[in-house]
mmCIF file of all heavy atoms, coordinates in Angstrom:
data_MODEL
# 
_entry.id   MODEL 
# 
loop_
_atom_site.group_PDB 
_atom_site.id 
_atom_site.type_symbol 
_atom_site.label_atom_id 
_atom_site.label_alt_id 
_atom_site.label_comp_id 
_atom_site.label_asym_id 
_atom_site.label_entity_id 
_atom_site.label_seq_id 
_atom_site.pdbx_PDB_ins_code 
_atom_site.Cartn_x 
_atom_site.Cartn_y 
_atom_site.Cartn_z 
_atom_site.occupancy 
_atom_site.B_iso_or_equiv 
_atom_site.pdbx_formal_charge 
_atom_site.auth_seq_id 
_atom_site.auth_comp_id 
_atom_site.auth_asym_id 
_atom_site.auth_atom_id 
_atom_site.pdbx_PDB_model_num 
ATOM 1   N N   . PRO A 1 1  ? 0.821  -1.215 0.000   1.00 0.00 ? 1  PRO A N   1 
ATOM 2   C CA  . PRO A 1 1  ? 0.000  0.000  0.000   1.00 0.00 ? 1  PRO A CA  1 
ATOM 3   C C   . PRO A 1 1  ? 0.860  1.272  0.000   1.00 0.00 ? 1  PRO A C   1 
ATOM 4   O O   . PRO A 1 1  ? 2.088  1.189  0.021   1.00 0.00 ? 1  PRO A O   1 
ATOM 5   C CB  . PRO A 1 1  ? -0.770 -0.130 1.323   1.00 0.00 ? 1  PRO A CB  1 
ATOM 6   C CG  . PRO A 1 1  ? 0.150  -0.912 2.216   1.00 0.00 ? 1  PRO A CG  1 
ATOM 7   C CD  . PRO A 1 1  ? 0.879  -1.866 1.308   1.00 0.00 ? 1  PRO A CD  1 
ATOM 8   N N   . CYS A 1 2  ? 0.196  2.422  -0.020  1.00 0.00 ? 2  CYS A N   1 
ATOM 9   C CA  . CYS A 1 2  ? 0.926  3.691  0.018   1.00 0.00 ? 2  CYS A CA  1 
ATOM 10  C C   . CYS A 1 2  ? 1.760  3.774  1.290   1.00 0.00 ? 2  CYS A C   1 
ATOM 11  O O   . CYS A 1 2  ? 1.409  3.191  2.317   1.00 0.00 ? 2  CYS A O   1 
ATOM 12  C CB  . CYS A 1 2  ? -0.041 4.873  -0.038  1.00 0.00 ? 2  CYS A CB  1 
ATOM 13  S SG  . CYS A 1 2  ? -0.748 5.124  -1.667  1.00 0.00 ? 2  CYS A SG  1 
ATOM 14  N N   . ARG A 1 3  ? 2.852  4.497  1.204   1.00 0.00 ? 3  ARG A N   1 
ATOM 15  C CA  . ARG A 1 3  ? 3.753  4.703  2.337   1.00 0.00 ? 3  ARG A CA  1 
ATOM 16  C C   . ARG A 1 3  ? 3.785  6.172  2.718   1.00 0.00 ? 3  ARG A C   1 
ATOM 17  O O   . ARG A 1 3  ? 3.264  7.026  2.002   1.00 0.00 ? 3  ARG A O   1 
ATOM 18  C CB  . ARG A 1 3  ? 5.167  4.249  1.973   1.00 0.00 ? 3  ARG A CB  1 
ATOM 19  C CG  . ARG A 1 3  ? 5.285  2.744  1.801   1.00 0.00 ? 3  ARG A CG  1 
ATOM 20  C CD  . ARG A 1 3  ? 6.716  2.340  1.787   1.00 0.00 ? 3  ARG A CD  1 
ATOM 21  N NE  . ARG A 1 3  ? 6.862  0.892  1.743   1.00 0.00 ? 3  ARG A NE  1 
ATOM 22  C CZ  . ARG A 1 3  ? 8.019  0.283  1.757   1.00 0.00 ? 3  ARG A CZ  1 
ATOM 23  N NH1 . ARG A 1 3  ? 9.148  0.976  1.813   1.00 0.00 ? 3  ARG A NH1 1 
ATOM 24  N NH2 . ARG A 1 3  ? 8.092  -1.020 1.711   1.00 0.00 ? 3  ARG A NH2 1 
ATOM 25  N N   . LYS A 1 4  ? 4.451  6.446  3.817   1.00 0.00 ? 4  LYS A N   1 
ATOM 26  C CA  . LYS A 1 4  ? 4.588  7.821  4.292   1.00 0.00 ? 4  LYS A CA  1 
ATOM 27  C C   . LYS A 1 4  ? 5.371  8.668  3.293   1.00 0.00 ? 4  LYS A C   1 
ATOM 28  O O   . LYS A 1 4  ? 5.030  9.818  3.030   1.00 0.00 ? 4  LYS A O   1 
ATOM 29  C CB  . LYS A 1 4  ? 5.293  7.812  5.655   1.00 0.00 ? 4  LYS A CB  1 
ATOM 30  C CG  . LYS A 1 4  ? 5.435  9.164  6.292   1.00 0.00 ? 4  LYS A CG  1 
ATOM 31  C CD  . LYS A 1 4  ? 6.133  9.037  7.651   1.00 0.00 ? 4  LYS A CD  1 
ATOM 32  C CE  . LYS A 1 4  ? 6.754  10.362 8.024   1.00 0.00 ? 4  LYS A CE  1 
ATOM 33  N NZ  . LYS A 1 4  ? 7.750  10.253 9.072   1.00 0.00 ? 4  LYS A NZ  1 
ATOM 34  N N   . GLU A 1 5  ? 6.442  8.088  2.726   1.00 0.00 ? 5  GLU A N   1 
ATOM 35  C CA  . GLU A 1 5  ? 7.267  8.808  1.753   1.00 0.00 ? 5  GLU A CA  1 
ATOM 36  C C   . GLU A 1 5  ? 7.493  7.947  0.512   1.00 0.00 ? 5  GLU A C   1 
ATOM 37  O O   . GLU A 1 5  ? 7.580  6.733  0.609   1.00 0.00 ? 5  GLU A O   1 
ATOM 38  C CB  . GLU A 1 5  ? 8.640  9.156  2.349   1.00 0.00 ? 5  GLU A CB  1 
ATOM 39  C CG  . GLU A 1 5  ? 8.591  10.169 3.466   1.00 0.00 ? 5  GLU A CG  1 
ATOM 40  C CD  . GLU A 1 5  ? 9.980  10.558 3.932   1.00 0.00 ? 5  GLU A CD  1 
ATOM 41  O OE1 . GLU A 1 5  ? 10.540 9.826  4.767   1.00 0.00 ? 5  GLU A OE1 1 
ATOM 42  O OE2 . GLU A 1 5  ? 10.506 11.577 3.428   1.00 0.00 ? 5  GLU A OE2 1 
ATOM 43  N N   . THR A 1 6  ? 7.600  8.611  -0.626  1.00 0.00 ? 6  THR A N   1 
ATOM 44  C CA  . THR A 1 6  ? 7.850  7.907  -1.877  1.00 0.00 ? 6  THR A CA  1 
ATOM 45  C C   . THR A 1 6  ? 9.297  7.426  -1.922  1.00 0.00 ? 6  THR A C   1 
ATOM 46  O O   . THR A 1 6  ? 10.212 8.142  -1.511  1.00 0.00 ? 6  THR A O   1 
ATOM 47  C CB  . THR A 1 6  ? 7.539  8.831  -3.071  1.00 0.00 ? 6  THR A CB  1 
ATOM 48  O OG1 . THR A 1 6  ? 6.124  9.126  -3.041  1.00 0.00 ? 6  THR A OG1 1 
ATOM 49  C CG2 . THR A 1 6  ? 7.890  8.189  -4.399  1.00 0.00 ? 6  THR A CG2 1 
ATOM 50  N N   . GLN A 1 7  ? 9.482  6.202  -2.421  1.00 0.00 ? 7  GLN A N   1 
ATOM 51  C CA  . GLN A 1 7  ? 10.802 5.582  -2.494  1.00 0.00 ? 7  GLN A CA  1 
ATOM 52  C C   . GLN A 1 7  ? 10.890 4.765  -3.776  1.00 0.00 ? 7  GLN A C   1 
ATOM 53  O O   . GLN A 1 7  ? 9.964  4.046  -4.120  1.00 0.00 ? 7  GLN A O   1 
ATOM 54  C CB  . GLN A 1 7  ? 10.979 4.669  -1.281  1.00 0.00 ? 7  GLN A CB  1 
ATOM 55  C CG  . GLN A 1 7  ? 12.229 3.830  -1.274  1.00 0.00 ? 7  GLN A CG  1 
ATOM 56  C CD  . GLN A 1 7  ? 12.326 3.016  0.008   1.00 0.00 ? 7  GLN A CD  1 
ATOM 57  O OE1 . GLN A 1 7  ? 12.407 3.559  1.098   1.00 0.00 ? 7  GLN A OE1 1 
ATOM 58  N NE2 . GLN A 1 7  ? 12.302 1.701  -0.125  1.00 0.00 ? 7  GLN A NE2 1 
ATOM 59  N N   . VAL A 1 8  ? 12.015 4.883  -4.479  1.00 0.00 ? 8  VAL A N   1 
ATOM 60  C CA  . VAL A 1 8  ? 12.274 4.114  -5.693  1.00 0.00 ? 8  VAL A CA  1 
ATOM 61  C C   . VAL A 1 8  ? 13.415 3.152  -5.385  1.00 0.00 ? 8  VAL A C   1 
ATOM 62  O O   . VAL A 1 8  ? 14.464 3.580  -4.901  1.00 0.00 ? 8  VAL A O   1 
ATOM 63  C CB  . VAL A 1 8  ? 12.661 5.043  -6.867  1.00 0.00 ? 8  VAL A CB  1 
ATOM 64  C CG1 . VAL A 1 8  ? 12.968 4.236  -8.118  1.00 0.00 ? 8  VAL A CG1 1 
ATOM 65  C CG2 . VAL A 1 8  ? 11.553 6.065  -7.134  1.00 0.00 ? 8  VAL A CG2 1 
ATOM 66  N N   . GLU A 1 9  ? 13.205 1.862  -5.650  1.00 0.00 ? 9  GLU A N   1 
ATOM 67  C CA  . GLU A 1 9  ? 14.238 0.859  -5.414  1.00 0.00 ? 9  GLU A CA  1 
ATOM 68  C C   . GLU A 1 9  ? 14.720 0.311  -6.751  1.00 0.00 ? 9  GLU A C   1 
ATOM 69  O O   . GLU A 1 9  ? 13.941 -0.263 -7.510  1.00 0.00 ? 9  GLU A O   1 
ATOM 70  C CB  . GLU A 1 9  ? 13.711 -0.268 -4.527  1.00 0.00 ? 9  GLU A CB  1 
ATOM 71  C CG  . GLU A 1 9  ? 13.397 0.198  -3.116  1.00 0.00 ? 9  GLU A CG  1 
ATOM 72  C CD  . GLU A 1 9  ? 12.975 -0.916 -2.186  1.00 0.00 ? 9  GLU A CD  1 
ATOM 73  O OE1 . GLU A 1 9  ? 13.463 -2.061 -2.354  1.00 0.00 ? 9  GLU A OE1 1 
ATOM 74  O OE2 . GLU A 1 9  ? 12.153 -0.644 -1.291  1.00 0.00 ? 9  GLU A OE2 1 
ATOM 75  N N   . LEU A 1 10 ? 16.013 0.527  -7.024  1.00 0.00 ? 10 LEU A N   1 
ATOM 76  C CA  . LEU A 1 10 ? 16.645 0.086  -8.261  1.00 0.00 ? 10 LEU A CA  1 
ATOM 77  C C   . LEU A 1 10 ? 17.861 -0.768 -7.921  1.00 0.00 ? 10 LEU A C   1 
ATOM 78  O O   . LEU A 1 10 ? 18.433 -0.620 -6.848  1.00 0.00 ? 10 LEU A O   1 
ATOM 79  C CB  . LEU A 1 10 ? 17.122 1.293  -9.084  1.00 0.00 ? 10 LEU A CB  1 
ATOM 80  C CG  . LEU A 1 10 ? 16.097 2.340  -9.477  1.00 0.00 ? 10 LEU A CG  1 
ATOM 81  C CD1 . LEU A 1 10 ? 16.788 3.522  -10.158 1.00 0.00 ? 10 LEU A CD1 1 
ATOM 82  C CD2 . LEU A 1 10 ? 15.038 1.747  -10.396 1.00 0.00 ? 10 LEU A CD2 1 
ATOM 83  N N   . SER A 1 11 ? 18.269 -1.615 -8.849  1.00 0.00 ? 11 SER A N   1 
ATOM 84  C CA  . SER A 1 11 ? 19.572 -2.264 -8.688  1.00 0.00 ? 11 SER A CA  1 
ATOM 85  C C   . SER A 1 11 ? 20.626 -1.214 -9.006  1.00 0.00 ? 11 SER A C   1 
ATOM 86  O O   . SER A 1 11 ? 20.328 -0.168 -9.605  1.00 0.00 ? 11 SER A O   1 
ATOM 87  C CB  . SER A 1 11 ? 19.699 -3.452 -9.645  1.00 0.00 ? 11 SER A CB  1 
ATOM 88  O OG  . SER A 1 11 ? 19.845 -2.995 -10.981 1.00 0.00 ? 11 SER A OG  1 
ATOM 89  N N   . LEU A 1 12 ? 21.867 -1.465 -8.628  1.00 0.00 ? 12 LEU A N   1 
ATOM 90  C CA  . LEU A 1 12 ? 22.932 -0.508 -8.943  1.00 0.00 ? 12 LEU A CA  1 
ATOM 91  C C   . LEU A 1 12 ? 23.117 -0.374 -10.452 1.00 0.00 ? 12 LEU A C   1 
ATOM 92  O O   . LEU A 1 12 ? 23.376 0.723  -10.960 1.00 0.00 ? 12 LEU A O   1 
ATOM 93  C CB  . LEU A 1 12 ? 24.231 -0.913 -8.253  1.00 0.00 ? 12 LEU A CB  1 
ATOM 94  C CG  . LEU A 1 12 ? 24.206 -0.792 -6.726  1.00 0.00 ? 12 LEU A CG  1 
ATOM 95  C CD1 . LEU A 1 12 ? 25.487 -1.356 -6.122  1.00 0.00 ? 12 LEU A CD1 1 
ATOM 96  C CD2 . LEU A 1 12 ? 23.984 0.653  -6.289  1.00 0.00 ? 12 LEU A CD2 1 
ATOM 97  N N   . THR A 1 13 ? 22.953 -1.469 -11.196 1.00 0.00 ? 13 THR A N   1 
ATOM 98  C CA  . THR A 1 13 ? 23.043 -1.406 -12.655 1.00 0.00 ? 13 THR A CA  1 
ATOM 99  C C   . THR A 1 13 ? 21.933 -0.524 -13.216 1.00 0.00 ? 13 THR A C   1 
ATOM 100 O O   . THR A 1 13 ? 22.174 0.324  -14.087 1.00 0.00 ? 13 THR A O   1 
ATOM 101 C CB  . THR A 1 13 ? 22.975 -2.817 -13.273 1.00 0.00 ? 13 THR A CB  1 
ATOM 102 O OG1 . THR A 1 13 ? 24.065 -3.591 -12.782 1.00 0.00 ? 13 THR A OG1 1 
ATOM 103 C CG2 . THR A 1 13 ? 23.027 -2.765 -14.791 1.00 0.00 ? 13 THR A CG2 1 
ATOM 104 N N   . ASP A 1 14 ? 20.702 -0.720 -12.729 1.00 0.00 ? 14 ASP A N   1 
ATOM 105 C CA  . ASP A 1 14 ? 19.577 0.128  -13.160 1.00 0.00 ? 14 ASP A CA  1 
ATOM 106 C C   . ASP A 1 14 ? 19.889 1.597  -12.918 1.00 0.00 ? 14 ASP A C   1 
ATOM 107 O O   . ASP A 1 14 ? 19.700 2.443  -13.798 1.00 0.00 ? 14 ASP A O   1 
ATOM 108 C CB  . ASP A 1 14 ? 18.305 -0.207 -12.364 1.00 0.00 ? 14 ASP A CB  1 
ATOM 109 C CG  . ASP A 1 14 ? 17.624 -1.487 -12.795 1.00 0.00 ? 14 ASP A CG  1 
ATOM 110 O OD1 . ASP A 1 14 ? 17.928 -2.014 -13.880 1.00 0.00 ? 14 ASP A OD1 1 
ATOM 111 O OD2 . ASP A 1 14 ? 16.756 -1.952 -12.028 1.00 0.00 ? 14 ASP A OD2 1 
ATOM 112 N N   . ALA A 1 15 ? 20.333 1.903  -11.704 1.00 0.00 ? 15 ALA A N   1 
ATOM 113 C CA  . ALA A 1 15 ? 20.586 3.297  -11.323 1.00 0.00 ? 15 ALA A CA  1 
ATOM 114 C C   . ALA A 1 15 ? 21.643 3.924  -12.231 1.00 0.00 ? 15 ALA A C   1 
ATOM 115 O O   . ALA A 1 15 ? 21.455 5.028  -12.752 1.00 0.00 ? 15 ALA A O   1 
ATOM 116 C CB  . ALA A 1 15 ? 21.010 3.377  -9.855  1.00 0.00 ? 15 ALA A CB  1 
ATOM 117 N N   . ARG A 1 16 ? 22.755 3.218  -12.429 1.00 0.00 ? 16 ARG A N   1 
ATOM 118 C CA  . ARG A 1 16 ? 23.820 3.754  -13.301 1.00 0.00 ? 16 ARG A CA  1 
ATOM 119 C C   . ARG A 1 16 ? 23.319 3.971  -14.714 1.00 0.00 ? 16 ARG A C   1 
ATOM 120 O O   . ARG A 1 16 ? 23.673 4.944  -15.369 1.00 0.00 ? 16 ARG A O   1 
ATOM 121 C CB  . ARG A 1 16 ? 25.028 2.809  -13.313 1.00 0.00 ? 16 ARG A CB  1 
ATOM 122 C CG  . ARG A 1 16 ? 25.866 2.903  -12.070 1.00 0.00 ? 16 ARG A CG  1 
ATOM 123 C CD  . ARG A 1 16 ? 27.159 2.062  -12.190 1.00 0.00 ? 16 ARG A CD  1 
ATOM 124 N NE  . ARG A 1 16 ? 27.686 1.824  -10.866 1.00 0.00 ? 16 ARG A NE  1 
ATOM 125 C CZ  . ARG A 1 16 ? 27.635 0.675  -10.218 1.00 0.00 ? 16 ARG A CZ  1 
ATOM 126 N NH1 . ARG A 1 16 ? 27.088 -0.377 -10.781 1.00 0.00 ? 16 ARG A NH1 1 
ATOM 127 N NH2 . ARG A 1 16 ? 28.124 0.560  -9.012  1.00 0.00 ? 16 ARG A NH2 1 
ATOM 128 N N   . SER A 1 17 ? 22.503 3.044  -15.211 1.00 0.00 ? 17 SER A N   1 
ATOM 129 C CA  . SER A 1 17 ? 22.060 3.116  -16.605 1.00 0.00 ? 17 SER A CA  1 
ATOM 130 C C   . SER A 1 17 ? 21.194 4.340  -16.885 1.00 0.00 ? 17 SER A C   1 
ATOM 131 O O   . SER A 1 17 ? 21.166 4.816  -18.016 1.00 0.00 ? 17 SER A O   1 
ATOM 132 C CB  . SER A 1 17 ? 21.334 1.837  -17.019 1.00 0.00 ? 17 SER A CB  1 
ATOM 133 O OG  . SER A 1 17 ? 20.050 1.766  -16.446 1.00 0.00 ? 17 SER A OG  1 
ATOM 134 N N   . ILE A 1 18 ? 20.499 4.860  -15.875 1.00 0.00 ? 18 ILE A N   1 
ATOM 135 C CA  . ILE A 1 18 ? 19.683 6.068  -16.100 1.00 0.00 ? 18 ILE A CA  1 
ATOM 136 C C   . ILE A 1 18 ? 20.292 7.305  -15.443 1.00 0.00 ? 18 ILE A C   1 
ATOM 137 O O   . ILE A 1 18 ? 19.670 8.369  -15.428 1.00 0.00 ? 18 ILE A O   1 
ATOM 138 C CB  . ILE A 1 18 ? 18.211 5.872  -15.654 1.00 0.00 ? 18 ILE A CB  1 
ATOM 139 C CG1 . ILE A 1 18 ? 18.080 5.629  -14.149 1.00 0.00 ? 18 ILE A CG1 1 
ATOM 140 C CG2 . ILE A 1 18 ? 17.551 4.769  -16.478 1.00 0.00 ? 18 ILE A CG2 1 
ATOM 141 C CD1 . ILE A 1 18 ? 16.651 5.728  -13.635 1.00 0.00 ? 18 ILE A CD1 1 
ATOM 142 N N   . GLY A 1 19 ? 21.503 7.174  -14.904 1.00 0.00 ? 19 GLY A N   1 
ATOM 143 C CA  . GLY A 1 19 ? 22.194 8.342  -14.361 1.00 0.00 ? 19 GLY A CA  1 
ATOM 144 C C   . GLY A 1 19 ? 21.717 8.792  -12.999 1.00 0.00 ? 19 GLY A C   1 
ATOM 145 O O   . GLY A 1 19 ? 21.608 9.985  -12.730 1.00 0.00 ? 19 GLY A O   1 
ATOM 146 N N   . VAL A 1 20 ? 21.448 7.841  -12.125 1.00 0.00 ? 20 VAL A N   1 
ATOM 147 C CA  . VAL A 1 20 ? 21.004 8.155  -10.766 1.00 0.00 ? 20 VAL A CA  1 
ATOM 148 C C   . VAL A 1 20 ? 21.999 7.569  -9.767  1.00 0.00 ? 20 VAL A C   1 
ATOM 149 O O   . VAL A 1 20 ? 22.404 6.418  -9.905  1.00 0.00 ? 20 VAL A O   1 
ATOM 150 C CB  . VAL A 1 20 ? 19.596 7.572  -10.483 1.00 0.00 ? 20 VAL A CB  1 
ATOM 151 C CG1 . VAL A 1 20 ? 19.183 7.805  -9.040  1.00 0.00 ? 20 VAL A CG1 1 
ATOM 152 C CG2 . VAL A 1 20 ? 18.564 8.179  -11.421 1.00 0.00 ? 20 VAL A CG2 1 
ATOM 153 N N   . ALA A 1 21 ? 22.377 8.359  -8.777  1.00 0.00 ? 21 ALA A N   1 
ATOM 154 C CA  . ALA A 1 21 ? 23.228 7.865  -7.691  1.00 0.00 ? 21 ALA A CA  1 
ATOM 155 C C   . ALA A 1 21 ? 22.321 7.268  -6.620  1.00 0.00 ? 21 ALA A C   1 
ATOM 156 O O   . ALA A 1 21 ? 21.584 7.991  -5.968  1.00 0.00 ? 21 ALA A O   1 
ATOM 157 C CB  . ALA A 1 21 ? 24.056 9.005  -7.113  1.00 0.00 ? 21 ALA A CB  1 
ATOM 158 N N   . ALA A 1 22 ? 22.366 5.947  -6.479  1.00 0.00 ? 22 ALA A N   1 
ATOM 159 C CA  . ALA A 1 22 ? 21.494 5.255  -5.529  1.00 0.00 ? 22 ALA A CA  1 
ATOM 160 C C   . ALA A 1 22 ? 22.346 4.584  -4.457  1.00 0.00 ? 22 ALA A C   1 
ATOM 161 O O   . ALA A 1 22 ? 22.978 3.569  -4.720  1.00 0.00 ? 22 ALA A O   1 
ATOM 162 C CB  . ALA A 1 22 ? 20.639 4.218  -6.245  1.00 0.00 ? 22 ALA A CB  1 
ATOM 163 N N   . PRO A 1 23 ? 22.372 5.137  -3.249  1.00 0.00 ? 23 PRO A N   1 
ATOM 164 C CA  . PRO A 1 23 ? 23.138 4.482  -2.187  1.00 0.00 ? 23 PRO A CA  1 
ATOM 165 C C   . PRO A 1 23 ? 22.470 3.181  -1.758  1.00 0.00 ? 23 PRO A C   1 
ATOM 166 O O   . PRO A 1 23 ? 21.261 3.017  -1.892  1.00 0.00 ? 23 PRO A O   1 
ATOM 167 C CB  . PRO A 1 23 ? 23.100 5.509  -1.048  1.00 0.00 ? 23 PRO A CB  1 
ATOM 168 C CG  . PRO A 1 23 ? 21.837 6.274  -1.278  1.00 0.00 ? 23 PRO A CG  1 
ATOM 169 C CD  . PRO A 1 23 ? 21.668 6.332  -2.771  1.00 0.00 ? 23 PRO A CD  1 
ATOM 170 N N   . VAL A 1 24 ? 23.278 2.244  -1.256  1.00 0.00 ? 24 VAL A N   1 
ATOM 171 C CA  . VAL A 1 24 ? 22.739 0.990  -0.722  1.00 0.00 ? 24 VAL A CA  1 
ATOM 172 C C   . VAL A 1 24 ? 22.222 1.282  0.675   1.00 0.00 ? 24 VAL A C   1 
ATOM 173 O O   . VAL A 1 24 ? 22.977 1.698  1.554   1.00 0.00 ? 24 VAL A O   1 
ATOM 174 C CB  . VAL A 1 24 ? 23.817 -0.114 -0.694  1.00 0.00 ? 24 VAL A CB  1 
ATOM 175 C CG1 . VAL A 1 24 ? 23.270 -1.383 -0.054  1.00 0.00 ? 24 VAL A CG1 1 
ATOM 176 C CG2 . VAL A 1 24 ? 24.335 -0.384 -2.105  1.00 0.00 ? 24 VAL A CG2 1 
# 
């Protein structure tokens, strides 16, 4: 269901491929 805050979960490969810095 909906959460308090929006969050996007990507693999590190996904994040790099679209130019996003995603910390673990």
